[in-house]
């Protein structure tokens, strides 16, 4: 039995499916931990493969390849250095588990399967995994560790089983996705587990972007007295060696530096940076291209791209039409200059004229309408896709959640692209993020300090500029009203009556409901984008395209 233990927490960035890279990252973390005298290295959920693995785990060759890397890591622990807790798939007969493995003394000393399988929101673990039994503790160098996996600690059953079986501390490895201000919920739940069991608690999370999901790290340790001993940073990799001592009341972790709390706007901005950076880099794109219109959405998207990738990897294209204002031309050029990104202008008037001539025989004497407006957007989409194809840059889509909710976007036009950083960001939050970025420089940003867009971009009325004197609010309610209604409909599934009771105009609520309902087919065809809110379109919120349910009977 020992009275001291040094546990290294590896808050690392796995690359989904890149097994050798992930194994090497674990090796590097172990070497760093060994240099600081650690006894045990703990890595995140499914760290050998990246989480969530989705249908990759249905491939027997993938599961076998994961086990080969885990066994190789286990063999390396024969050197007497730190043991390793690693996450990955475990095939036990015909049962496939999301599991953790304790590697020590040159072999796999113990396996534990995830007991609580999440099957809501972005999670579908039950689709590919079988739940394991409630786990018992694992013996490691004279200490009984209560090891569990992510969802296992969100409910009391697993923690209770572990403490009743003699666990001396609780350690949870996680792939817990980012949502703005979710950390408060995690800490409150951890306090509940500590109070129920009387044991200290370790929460270890990965830090990465994986398609729509971002994992922000923010790992922490609570002692049995509920004091916060460790708070690791958000959005940054770190290997931290924690020092544990056994006393009369059990194990406790020595206090370490506590990363400061991060304001909401910074959390969202940093999540967008990380999501875009990992998506572009892990998919091996040289950079991004986007349409820079002089409006607020494209200005914010360009700023995030410059901060995430560096200005030299961002190409901005202004595509003026006869309806583009002088102010938009000036503002787009100023945004590009302030960010230091590449900028060029490709006028779309020749293509507009060509399409008008081409379609005239078919359209006859019908007056211009939304058809011609959508053609402009689609000409721009084709132009940007051509730039993407020619130079290899990924096309970054710039639409926000308010637009995607109401269908205020054109399929095969401004919805063209491979990824969107604003997909889950409401329009009013876009305004707040722009003001925040003009006043702050996010840690880890590769873009410039100081102002990144002119004040006029933030203050002028938003417009698609597809016809003379057009404003968004010709078609949509004011954004402060629209976003409040949409937040109720999308995030909280409120009825029309509930929103009217909250003070909204019934006709406006019904109008917004109808726009939201009709636009589902567009959202189904939209590119992926960073999840920010509890209910992002795509993984979190899935509605049938053919849907006869009416707001009038809600």
Protein backbone atom coordinates (compact mmCIF):
# COMPACT_ATOMS: atom_id res chain seq x y z
CA UNK A 1 0.00 0.00 0.00
CA UNK A 2 1.21 3.49 -0.88
CA UNK A 3 0.35 6.85 0.64
CA UNK A 4 1.45 8.94 -2.34
CA UNK A 5 0.49 8.87 -6.01
CA UNK A 6 1.31 11.13 -8.91
CA UNK A 7 -1.37 11.05 -11.61
CA UNK A 8 -0.74 12.77 -14.95
CA UNK A 9 -3.87 14.10 -16.68
CA UNK A 10 -3.39 14.18 -20.45
CA UNK A 11 -5.82 16.70 -21.91
CA UNK A 12 -4.88 15.93 -25.51
CA UNK A 13 -6.18 16.30 -29.08
CA UNK A 14 -6.82 12.92 -30.75
CA UNK A 15 -7.27 12.66 -34.52
CA UNK A 16 -10.27 10.50 -35.37
CA UNK A 17 -9.10 7.24 -36.94
CA UNK A 18 -5.42 8.24 -37.08
CA UNK A 19 -4.37 5.40 -34.80
CA UNK A 20 -0.60 5.67 -35.12
CA UNK A 21 -0.71 9.43 -34.58
CA UNK A 22 -2.87 8.98 -31.49
CA UNK A 23 -0.62 6.25 -30.09
CA UNK A 24 2.41 8.47 -30.62
CA UNK A 25 0.62 11.36 -28.87
CA UNK A 26 -0.04 9.09 -25.89
CA UNK A 27 3.62 8.03 -25.92
CA UNK A 28 4.71 11.66 -25.91
CA UNK A 29 2.37 12.42 -23.01
CA UNK A 30 3.73 9.41 -21.11
CA UNK A 31 7.31 10.57 -21.65
CA UNK A 32 6.37 14.03 -20.38
CA UNK A 33 4.63 12.50 -17.37
CA UNK A 34 7.58 10.18 -16.66
CA UNK A 35 9.97 13.12 -16.67
CA UNK A 36 7.90 14.61 -13.85
CA UNK A 37 7.83 11.40 -11.83
CA UNK A 38 4.26 10.37 -12.56
CA UNK A 39 2.98 6.93 -11.57
CA UNK A 40 -0.05 6.90 -13.88
CA UNK A 41 -1.03 8.64 -17.11
CA UNK A 42 -4.76 9.06 -17.75
CA UNK A 43 -5.95 9.80 -21.29
CA UNK A 44 -9.46 10.72 -22.54
CA UNK A 45 -12.32 8.54 -23.71
CA UNK A 46 -11.50 6.51 -26.86
CA UNK A 47 -8.10 8.22 -26.92
CA UNK A 48 -6.57 5.59 -29.19
CA UNK A 49 -9.09 6.35 -31.94
CA UNK A 50 -10.86 9.64 -31.24
CA UNK A 51 -14.41 10.13 -30.02
CA UNK A 52 -17.11 9.72 -31.24
CA UNK A 53 -16.01 6.88 -33.55
CA UNK A 54 -19.49 6.45 -35.08
CA UNK A 55 -19.64 3.57 -37.58
CA UNK A 56 -15.87 3.14 -37.72
CA UNK A 57 -16.26 0.66 -34.85
CA UNK A 58 -18.53 -1.51 -36.99
CA UNK A 59 -15.46 -2.38 -39.08
CA UNK A 60 -13.75 -5.43 -37.51
CA UNK A 61 -10.44 -4.30 -39.05
CA UNK A 62 -10.69 -0.96 -37.24
CA UNK A 63 -11.34 -2.58 -33.85
CA UNK A 64 -8.48 -4.99 -34.40
CA UNK A 65 -6.14 -2.15 -35.40
CA UNK A 66 -7.07 -0.23 -32.23
CA UNK A 67 -6.31 -3.26 -30.07
CA UNK A 68 -2.94 -3.73 -31.76
CA UNK A 69 -1.96 -0.16 -30.79
CA UNK A 70 -3.25 -0.61 -27.24
CA UNK A 71 -1.31 -3.84 -26.83
CA UNK A 72 1.83 -2.15 -28.17
CA UNK A 73 1.43 0.64 -25.61
CA UNK A 74 0.88 -1.97 -22.89
CA UNK A 75 4.12 -3.73 -23.82
CA UNK A 76 6.01 -0.47 -23.41
CA UNK A 77 4.92 -0.16 -19.77
CA UNK A 78 7.31 -3.01 -18.94
CA UNK A 79 9.97 -0.30 -18.58
CA UNK A 80 8.71 0.48 -15.07
CA UNK A 81 7.50 3.95 -16.03
CA UNK A 82 3.98 5.30 -15.63
CA UNK A 83 1.01 3.04 -16.17
CA UNK A 84 -1.55 4.24 -18.71
CA UNK A 85 -5.33 4.49 -18.78
CA UNK A 86 -6.33 4.50 -22.44
CA UNK A 87 -9.76 4.45 -24.07
CA UNK A 88 -10.81 2.38 -27.07
CA UNK A 89 -13.05 -0.40 -28.39
CA UNK A 90 -13.18 -3.81 -26.70
CA UNK A 91 -14.71 -6.78 -28.46
CA UNK A 92 -15.71 -9.37 -25.86
CA UNK A 93 -17.07 -12.29 -27.87
CA UNK A 94 -19.93 -10.85 -29.88
CA UNK A 95 -20.24 -7.80 -27.61
CA UNK A 96 -18.56 -4.55 -28.63
CA UNK A 97 -17.89 -2.13 -25.78
CA UNK A 98 -16.70 1.43 -25.38
CA UNK A 99 -13.96 0.62 -22.90
CA UNK A 100 -10.96 1.76 -20.93
CA UNK A 101 -7.80 -0.26 -20.40
CA UNK A 102 -5.28 -0.05 -17.58
CA UNK A 103 -1.80 -0.76 -18.97
CA UNK A 104 0.87 -1.65 -16.46
CA UNK A 105 3.88 -3.93 -16.15
CA UNK A 106 4.01 -4.74 -19.84
CA UNK A 107 0.41 -5.90 -20.28
CA UNK A 108 -3.27 -4.97 -20.08
CA UNK A 109 -3.96 -5.30 -16.37
CA UNK A 110 -7.68 -4.48 -16.45
CA UNK A 111 -10.57 -3.59 -18.76
CA UNK A 112 -13.76 -1.74 -17.92
CA UNK A 113 -16.71 -1.18 -20.26
CA UNK A 114 -18.90 1.92 -20.34
CA UNK A 115 -22.11 1.17 -18.48
CA UNK A 116 -24.30 4.20 -19.23
CA UNK A 117 -24.56 4.60 -23.00
CA UNK A 118 -25.86 8.03 -24.08
CA UNK A 119 -28.47 7.96 -26.81
CA UNK A 120 -29.68 11.55 -27.08
CA UNK A 121 -28.62 14.76 -28.75
CA UNK A 122 -25.31 14.21 -30.55
CA UNK A 123 -24.80 10.76 -29.01
CA UNK A 124 -25.79 7.38 -30.44
CA UNK A 125 -23.59 5.02 -28.43
CA UNK A 126 -26.38 2.45 -28.16
CA UNK A 127 -26.36 2.11 -31.92
CA UNK A 128 -22.82 0.71 -32.00
CA UNK A 129 -21.94 -0.41 -28.47
CA UNK A 130 -23.27 -2.81 -25.85
CA UNK A 131 -23.41 -1.56 -22.27
CA UNK A 132 -21.05 -3.20 -19.83
CA UNK A 133 -21.92 -4.10 -16.23
CA UNK A 134 -21.50 -1.51 -13.51
CA UNK A 135 -17.71 -1.58 -12.99
CA UNK A 136 -15.79 -2.42 -9.87
CA UNK A 137 -12.58 -0.64 -8.87
CA UNK A 138 -9.19 -1.40 -10.43
CA UNK A 139 -6.10 -2.06 -8.29
CA UNK A 140 -3.08 0.03 -9.23
CA UNK A 141 0.09 0.15 -7.12
CA UNK A 142 -1.82 -0.33 -3.88
CA UNK A 143 -4.69 2.03 -4.73
CA UNK A 144 -8.24 1.02 -5.71
CA UNK A 145 -9.15 3.33 -8.58
CA UNK A 146 -12.78 3.94 -9.47
CA UNK A 147 -12.39 4.23 -13.25
CA UNK A 148 -15.38 5.12 -15.39
CA UNK A 149 -16.22 6.54 -18.80
CA UNK A 150 -18.02 9.85 -19.42
CA UNK A 151 -21.78 9.18 -19.15
CA UNK A 152 -21.11 6.80 -16.25
CA UNK A 153 -20.63 9.73 -13.89
CA UNK A 154 -23.63 11.76 -15.07
CA UNK A 155 -25.85 9.37 -13.12
CA UNK A 156 -25.26 8.09 -9.56
CA UNK A 157 -25.43 4.31 -10.12
CA UNK A 158 -21.86 3.67 -11.30
CA UNK A 159 -20.29 5.92 -8.67
CA UNK A 160 -22.33 4.20 -5.96
CA UNK A 161 -21.26 0.77 -7.18
CA UNK A 162 -17.62 1.83 -7.18
CA UNK A 163 -17.64 3.25 -3.66
CA UNK A 164 -19.55 0.24 -2.34
CA UNK A 165 -16.88 -1.99 -3.94
CA UNK A 166 -14.04 -0.18 -2.20
CA UNK A 167 -12.93 2.50 -4.68
CA UNK A 168 -10.73 5.17 -3.09
CA UNK A 169 -11.07 7.85 -5.77
CA UNK A 170 -13.22 8.40 -8.87
CA UNK A 171 -11.55 9.03 -12.24
CA UNK A 172 -13.68 9.62 -15.32
CA UNK A 173 -12.29 9.76 -18.85
CA UNK A 174 -14.45 11.80 -21.19
CA UNK A 175 -15.38 12.88 -24.67
CA UNK A 176 -17.75 15.60 -23.49
CA UNK A 177 -18.68 18.06 -26.25
CA UNK A 178 -18.64 21.81 -25.82
CA UNK A 179 -21.74 23.88 -25.28
CA UNK A 180 -21.53 27.47 -24.12
CA UNK A 181 -21.31 27.53 -20.30
CA UNK A 182 -21.66 23.73 -20.00
CA UNK A 183 -18.75 23.65 -17.56
CA UNK A 184 -20.96 24.94 -14.74
CA UNK A 185 -23.26 21.93 -15.23
CA UNK A 186 -20.32 19.53 -15.17
CA UNK A 187 -18.94 20.94 -11.92
CA UNK A 188 -22.37 20.87 -10.25
CA UNK A 189 -22.84 17.22 -11.22
CA UNK A 190 -19.35 16.38 -10.01
CA UNK A 191 -20.15 17.96 -6.65
CA UNK A 192 -23.18 15.66 -6.44
CA UNK A 193 -21.03 12.58 -7.05
CA UNK A 194 -18.51 13.74 -4.43
CA UNK A 195 -21.25 14.35 -1.84
CA UNK A 196 -22.88 10.98 -2.55
CA UNK A 197 -19.67 8.96 -2.36
CA UNK A 198 -17.36 10.97 -0.12
CA UNK A 199 -14.57 10.41 -2.67
CA UNK A 200 -12.45 12.85 -4.69
CA UNK A 201 -13.37 13.11 -8.36
CA UNK A 202 -11.28 13.55 -11.53
CA UNK A 203 -12.88 14.76 -14.79
CA UNK A 204 -10.56 14.41 -17.79
CA UNK A 205 -11.75 15.62 -21.20
CA UNK A 206 -10.24 15.69 -24.69
CA UNK A 207 -9.65 18.99 -26.49
CA UNK A 208 -10.28 18.90 -30.23
CA UNK A 209 -12.62 19.58 -33.10
CA UNK A 210 -14.35 16.57 -34.65
CA UNK A 211 -16.68 17.45 -37.52
CA UNK A 212 -19.53 19.45 -35.92
CA UNK A 213 -18.37 18.81 -32.36
CA UNK A 214 -15.80 20.69 -30.32
CA UNK A 215 -14.34 19.32 -27.10
CA UNK A 216 -12.88 22.09 -25.00
CA UNK A 217 -10.96 20.20 -22.36
CA UNK A 218 -11.58 22.11 -19.10
CA UNK A 219 -10.58 19.04 -17.06
CA UNK A 220 -10.74 19.38 -13.28
CA UNK A 221 -10.29 17.67 -9.91
CA UNK A 222 -12.57 18.01 -6.90
CA UNK A 223 -11.41 16.83 -3.49
CA UNK A 224 -13.73 15.01 -1.12
CA UNK A 225 -14.44 18.28 0.67
CA UNK A 226 -15.72 19.64 -2.71
CA UNK A 227 -12.81 22.05 -3.04
CA UNK A 228 -11.49 22.62 -6.56
CA UNK A 229 -7.92 21.33 -6.56
CA UNK A 230 -7.30 21.47 -10.33
CA UNK A 231 -8.88 23.38 -13.20
CA UNK A 232 -7.14 22.86 -16.52
CA UNK A 233 -7.56 25.39 -19.34
CA UNK A 234 -10.22 25.41 -22.03
CA UNK A 235 -9.23 24.92 -25.67
CA UNK A 236 -5.60 24.01 -24.96
CA UNK A 237 -3.68 20.75 -24.70
CA UNK A 238 -1.89 20.10 -21.44
CA UNK A 239 -0.30 17.23 -19.55
CA UNK A 240 -0.59 18.04 -15.85
CA UNK A 241 0.90 15.89 -13.08
CA UNK A 242 -1.29 15.97 -9.98
CA UNK A 243 0.03 14.99 -6.56
CA UNK A 244 -2.13 12.81 -4.31
CA UNK A 245 -1.71 11.94 -0.63
CA UNK A 246 -3.57 9.40 1.48
CA UNK A 247 -4.58 10.74 4.90
CA UNK A 248 -6.96 9.74 7.70
CA UNK A 249 -9.93 10.87 5.60
CA UNK A 250 -8.73 9.19 2.40
CA UNK A 251 -7.03 10.55 -0.70
CA UNK A 252 -6.69 14.22 -1.54
CA UNK A 253 -5.14 16.11 -4.43
CA UNK A 254 -2.73 18.95 -3.73
CA UNK A 255 -3.95 22.32 -5.05
CA UNK A 256 -2.60 23.32 -8.46
CA UNK A 257 -2.96 26.43 -10.56
CA UNK A 258 -6.62 27.00 -11.45
CA UNK A 259 -7.28 28.30 -14.97
CA UNK A 260 -9.50 31.40 -14.81
CA UNK A 261 -13.13 31.25 -15.86
CA UNK A 262 -13.71 32.18 -19.50
CA UNK A 263 -16.48 34.64 -20.48
CA UNK A 264 -19.28 33.32 -22.69
CA UNK A 265 -18.31 35.25 -25.83
CA UNK A 266 -14.71 34.09 -25.57
CA UNK A 267 -15.87 30.49 -25.11
CA UNK A 268 -17.95 30.66 -28.29
CA UNK A 269 -15.24 32.39 -30.30
CA UNK A 270 -12.54 29.96 -29.17
CA UNK A 271 -14.84 27.00 -29.95
CA UNK A 272 -15.32 28.30 -33.49
CA UNK A 273 -11.55 28.70 -33.87
CA UNK A 274 -10.79 25.19 -32.66
CA UNK A 275 -13.59 23.58 -34.68
CA UNK A 276 -12.48 25.25 -37.91
CA UNK A 277 -8.76 24.71 -37.34
CA UNK A 278 -9.09 20.99 -36.68
CA UNK A 279 -11.56 20.47 -39.53
CA UNK A 280 -9.29 22.20 -42.05
CA UNK A 281 -6.00 20.78 -40.79
CA UNK A 282 -7.13 17.20 -40.13
CA UNK A 283 -8.73 17.05 -43.58
CA UNK A 284 -5.52 18.48 -45.07
CA UNK A 285 -6.92 21.57 -46.76
CA UNK A 286 -4.31 24.25 -47.51
CA UNK A 287 -6.70 26.98 -46.36
CA UNK A 288 -10.18 28.41 -46.85
CA UNK A 289 -11.94 30.66 -49.33
CA UNK A 290 -15.06 32.66 -48.51
CA UNK A 291 -17.27 35.33 -49.96
CA UNK A 292 -16.61 38.66 -48.22
CA UNK A 293 -19.71 40.77 -48.82
CA UNK A 294 -19.11 43.72 -46.52
CA UNK A 295 -21.75 42.29 -44.16
CA UNK A 296 -21.38 41.20 -40.58
CA UNK A 297 -21.61 37.40 -41.03
CA UNK A 298 -18.85 37.15 -43.61
CA UNK A 299 -16.72 39.61 -41.63
CA UNK A 300 -16.97 37.45 -38.49
CA UNK A 301 -16.33 34.26 -40.46
CA UNK A 302 -13.22 35.81 -42.00
CA UNK A 303 -11.97 36.93 -38.57
CA UNK A 304 -12.42 33.43 -37.11
CA UNK A 305 -10.66 31.92 -40.12
CA UNK A 306 -7.71 34.30 -39.84
CA UNK A 307 -7.42 33.63 -36.11
CA UNK A 308 -7.73 29.86 -36.52
CA UNK A 309 -5.52 29.33 -39.56
CA UNK A 310 -3.45 32.48 -40.03
CA UNK A 311 -4.19 35.28 -42.51
CA UNK A 312 -2.04 33.71 -45.23
CA UNK A 313 -4.40 30.71 -45.40
CA UNK A 314 -7.55 32.78 -45.96
CA UNK A 315 -8.74 33.93 -49.39
CA UNK A 316 -11.63 36.43 -49.47
CA UNK A 317 -13.64 37.19 -52.61
CA UNK A 318 -15.93 40.17 -53.05
CA UNK A 319 -18.50 39.45 -55.79
CA UNK A 320 -20.26 42.73 -56.48
CA UNK A 321 -23.49 42.97 -58.47
CA UNK A 322 -25.22 46.11 -59.76
CA UNK A 323 -27.03 46.20 -56.38
CA UNK A 324 -23.88 46.16 -54.22
CA UNK A 325 -23.52 49.42 -52.32
CA UNK A 326 -20.40 51.53 -52.15
CA UNK A 327 -20.41 51.00 -48.40
CA UNK A 328 -20.26 47.21 -48.85
CA UNK A 329 -17.36 47.49 -51.27
CA UNK A 330 -15.47 49.72 -48.84
CA UNK A 331 -16.29 47.57 -45.79
CA UNK A 332 -15.22 44.31 -47.43
CA UNK A 333 -11.92 45.82 -48.52
CA UNK A 334 -11.37 47.28 -45.04
CA UNK A 335 -12.10 43.93 -43.37
CA UNK A 336 -9.55 42.19 -45.59
CA UNK A 337 -6.97 44.92 -44.95
CA UNK A 338 -7.45 44.82 -41.17
CA UNK A 339 -7.16 41.01 -41.12
CA UNK A 340 -4.26 40.89 -43.57
CA UNK A 341 -5.96 38.24 -45.71
CA UNK A 342 -5.84 37.80 -49.47
CA UNK A 343 -8.59 39.77 -51.20
CA UNK A 344 -9.91 39.97 -54.73
CA UNK A 345 -13.04 41.11 -56.52
CA UNK A 346 -14.97 39.15 -59.16
CA UNK A 347 -17.97 41.05 -60.56
CA UNK A 348 -21.00 38.86 -61.28
CA UNK A 349 -22.82 41.25 -63.67
CA UNK A 350 -21.60 39.39 -66.80
CA UNK A 351 -22.98 36.09 -65.46
CA UNK A 352 -26.27 37.77 -64.48
CA UNK A 353 -26.63 39.10 -68.02
CA UNK A 354 -25.78 35.72 -69.53
CA UNK A 355 -28.36 33.92 -67.42
CA UNK A 356 -30.99 36.54 -68.19
CA UNK A 357 -30.41 36.08 -71.92
CA UNK A 358 -30.29 32.29 -71.63
CA UNK A 359 -33.52 32.06 -69.64
CA UNK A 360 -35.48 34.78 -71.45
CA UNK A 361 -37.14 32.39 -73.94
CA UNK A 362 -38.30 30.16 -71.10
CA UNK A 363 -39.36 32.95 -68.72
CA UNK A 364 -41.11 35.02 -71.38
CA UNK A 365 -42.75 38.18 -70.07
CA UNK A 366 -42.87 37.12 -66.42
CA UNK A 367 -41.63 39.97 -64.20
CA UNK A 368 -38.45 39.58 -62.12
CA UNK A 369 -38.98 38.05 -58.67
CA UNK A 370 -37.09 35.95 -56.12
CA UNK A 371 -35.86 33.77 -59.00
CA UNK A 372 -33.48 36.46 -60.16
CA UNK A 373 -32.38 37.13 -56.58
CA UNK A 374 -31.56 33.46 -56.05
CA UNK A 375 -29.69 33.37 -59.35
CA UNK A 376 -27.32 36.02 -58.02
CA UNK A 377 -26.64 33.94 -54.93
CA UNK A 378 -26.10 30.82 -57.04
CA UNK A 379 -23.74 32.65 -59.40
CA UNK A 380 -21.71 33.59 -56.35
CA UNK A 381 -21.81 30.00 -55.12
CA UNK A 382 -20.52 28.72 -58.47
CA UNK A 383 -17.80 31.38 -58.45
CA UNK A 384 -16.61 30.41 -54.99
CA UNK A 385 -16.74 26.70 -55.78
CA UNK A 386 -14.60 27.37 -58.85
CA UNK A 387 -12.06 29.18 -56.68
CA UNK A 388 -12.12 26.28 -54.24
CA UNK A 389 -11.57 23.74 -57.01
CA UNK A 390 -8.81 25.74 -58.67
CA UNK A 391 -6.74 26.45 -55.56
CA UNK A 392 -7.74 23.57 -53.26
CA UNK A 393 -9.02 25.79 -50.46
CA UNK A 394 -12.14 24.68 -48.62
CA UNK A 395 -15.15 26.93 -49.15
CA UNK A 396 -16.26 28.39 -45.84
CA UNK A 397 -19.99 29.08 -45.59
CA UNK A 398 -20.98 32.22 -43.69
CA UNK A 399 -24.69 31.84 -42.80
CA UNK A 400 -25.85 32.05 -39.18
CA UNK A 401 -28.42 30.04 -37.19
CA UNK A 402 -31.16 32.65 -37.49
CA UNK A 403 -30.92 32.48 -41.29
CA UNK A 404 -30.74 28.68 -41.31
CA UNK A 405 -33.78 28.52 -39.02
CA UNK A 406 -35.96 30.64 -41.27
CA UNK A 407 -34.68 29.50 -44.65
CA UNK A 408 -33.22 32.94 -45.34
CA UNK A 409 -30.49 31.29 -47.40
CA UNK A 410 -30.26 29.95 -50.94
CA UNK A 411 -29.61 26.30 -51.69
CA UNK A 412 -26.64 25.92 -54.05
CA UNK A 413 -25.93 29.61 -53.50
CA UNK A 414 -24.79 31.12 -50.21
CA UNK A 415 -25.25 27.66 -48.65
CA UNK A 416 -22.44 26.24 -50.80
CA UNK A 417 -19.43 25.15 -48.82
CA UNK A 418 -17.67 22.53 -46.78
CA UNK A 419 -17.98 23.96 -43.27
CA UNK A 420 -19.65 26.79 -41.34
CA UNK A 421 -18.46 28.41 -38.13
CA UNK A 422 -21.72 30.37 -37.64
CA UNK A 423 -24.19 27.55 -38.27
CA UNK A 424 -25.17 27.33 -34.58
CA UNK A 425 -24.76 31.04 -33.74
CA UNK A 426 -27.83 33.27 -33.49
CA UNK A 427 -27.70 36.62 -35.28
CA UNK A 428 -27.74 38.65 -32.06
CA UNK A 429 -24.80 36.58 -30.84
CA UNK A 430 -23.02 37.38 -34.12
CA UNK A 431 -23.27 41.09 -33.25
CA UNK A 432 -21.95 40.42 -29.74
CA UNK A 433 -19.05 38.30 -31.03
CA UNK A 434 -17.99 40.99 -33.48
CA UNK A 435 -17.90 43.60 -30.75
CA UNK A 436 -16.01 41.19 -28.47
CA UNK A 437 -13.38 40.40 -31.11
CA UNK A 438 -12.83 44.06 -31.96
CA UNK A 439 -12.05 44.66 -28.28
CA UNK A 440 -10.17 41.43 -27.45
CA UNK A 441 -7.45 39.17 -28.77
CA UNK A 442 -8.18 35.48 -28.17
CA UNK A 443 -5.36 33.35 -26.79
CA UNK A 444 -3.82 31.20 -29.48
CA UNK A 445 -5.14 33.37 -32.32
CA UNK A 446 -2.99 33.70 -35.43
CA UNK A 447 -4.72 36.83 -36.70
CA UNK A 448 -3.92 40.45 -35.91
CA UNK A 449 -4.43 42.27 -32.64
CA UNK A 450 -6.83 45.19 -32.49
CA UNK A 451 -9.72 46.04 -34.77
CA UNK A 452 -10.62 43.31 -37.27
CA UNK A 453 -13.65 44.94 -38.90
CA UNK A 454 -14.95 48.51 -39.32
CA UNK A 455 -17.59 49.64 -36.84
CA UNK A 456 -19.97 50.25 -39.74
CA UNK A 457 -20.06 46.50 -40.47
CA UNK A 458 -21.62 46.01 -37.03
CA UNK A 459 -23.96 48.98 -37.00
CA UNK A 460 -25.42 49.11 -40.51
CA UNK A 461 -28.73 47.30 -41.20
CA UNK A 462 -28.06 43.78 -42.56
CA UNK A 463 -28.90 43.25 -46.21
CA UNK A 464 -28.45 40.54 -48.84
CA UNK A 465 -28.27 43.30 -51.50
CA UNK A 466 -30.05 41.25 -54.15
CA UNK A 467 -32.34 44.11 -55.21
CA UNK A 468 -32.43 47.90 -54.68
CA UNK A 469 -32.63 49.13 -51.06
CA UNK A 470 -33.13 45.60 -49.69
CA UNK A 471 -32.92 44.98 -45.93
CA UNK A 472 -33.18 41.69 -44.02
CA UNK A 473 -36.08 43.10 -42.03
CA UNK A 474 -38.13 43.53 -45.19
CA UNK A 475 -38.57 39.75 -44.94
CA UNK A 476 -37.76 38.89 -41.33
CA UNK A 477 -38.89 40.30 -37.96
CA UNK A 478 -36.26 42.40 -36.13
CA UNK A 479 -33.48 40.05 -35.09
CA UNK A 480 -33.89 40.66 -31.36
CA UNK A 481 -37.50 39.48 -31.69
CA UNK A 482 -36.77 36.74 -34.21
CA UNK A 483 -33.97 35.20 -32.13
CA UNK A 484 -36.08 35.18 -28.96
CA UNK A 485 -38.89 33.34 -30.77
CA UNK A 486 -36.52 30.93 -32.48
CA UNK A 487 -34.71 30.18 -29.23
CA UNK A 488 -38.08 29.20 -27.75
CA UNK A 489 -39.07 27.07 -30.73
CA UNK A 490 -35.71 25.40 -31.36
CA UNK A 491 -33.92 25.22 -28.01
CA UNK A 492 -36.93 24.73 -25.73
CA UNK A 493 -39.64 23.31 -28.03
CA UNK A 494 -42.16 25.84 -26.75
CA UNK A 495 -45.64 26.00 -28.23
CA UNK A 496 -47.12 29.03 -29.94
CA UNK A 497 -49.34 29.66 -26.92
CA UNK A 498 -46.36 29.56 -24.56
CA UNK A 499 -44.47 32.12 -26.66
CA UNK A 500 -47.52 34.36 -26.88
CA UNK A 501 -47.91 34.10 -23.10
CA UNK A 502 -44.28 35.24 -22.84
CA UNK A 503 -45.21 38.46 -24.64
CA UNK A 504 -44.72 37.74 -28.35
CA UNK A 505 -47.21 38.67 -31.06
CA UNK A 506 -49.18 35.60 -32.16
CA UNK A 507 -49.07 36.41 -35.87
CA UNK A 508 -45.29 36.87 -35.70
CA UNK A 509 -44.79 33.61 -33.82
CA UNK A 510 -46.92 31.70 -36.33
CA UNK A 511 -45.03 33.27 -39.20
CA UNK A 512 -41.68 32.28 -37.69
CA UNK A 513 -42.94 28.75 -36.97
CA UNK A 514 -43.96 28.35 -40.62
CA UNK A 515 -40.57 29.59 -41.85
CA UNK A 516 -38.77 27.23 -39.46
CA UNK A 517 -40.90 24.29 -40.52
CA UNK A 518 -40.59 24.92 -44.27
CA UNK A 519 -36.81 25.29 -44.18
CA UNK A 520 -36.06 21.80 -42.85
CA UNK A 521 -35.18 20.55 -46.34
CA UNK A 522 -32.57 23.28 -46.68
CA UNK A 523 -30.98 22.48 -43.34
CA UNK A 524 -30.77 18.81 -44.32
CA UNK A 525 -28.51 19.86 -47.21
CA UNK A 526 -26.41 22.37 -45.28
CA UNK A 527 -22.70 21.85 -44.58
CA UNK A 528 -21.55 20.85 -41.09
CA UNK A 529 -20.78 23.57 -38.59
CA UNK A 530 -19.57 24.07 -35.03
CA UNK A 531 -22.02 23.07 -32.31
CA UNK A 532 -22.42 25.92 -29.80
CA UNK A 533 -25.92 25.59 -28.29
CA UNK A 534 -27.67 22.63 -26.62
CA UNK A 535 -29.70 22.02 -29.83
CA UNK A 536 -27.71 22.41 -32.99
CA UNK A 537 -29.28 21.62 -36.35
CA UNK A 538 -28.24 18.22 -37.63
CA UNK A 539 -27.13 15.96 -34.81
CA UNK A 540 -29.26 17.51 -32.05
CA UNK A 541 -32.46 18.46 -33.87
CA UNK A 542 -33.85 16.16 -36.55
CA UNK A 543 -37.29 16.71 -38.04
CA UNK A 544 -39.03 14.93 -40.93
CA UNK A 545 -38.96 16.76 -44.25
CA UNK A 546 -42.52 15.67 -45.01
CA UNK A 547 -44.40 16.91 -41.98
CA UNK A 548 -48.11 17.74 -41.69
CA UNK A 549 -48.06 18.81 -38.05
CA UNK A 550 -49.39 22.34 -37.69
CA UNK A 551 -48.49 25.09 -35.28
CA UNK A 552 -52.21 25.72 -34.90
CA UNK A 553 -52.68 22.42 -33.04
CA UNK A 554 -49.43 22.57 -31.05
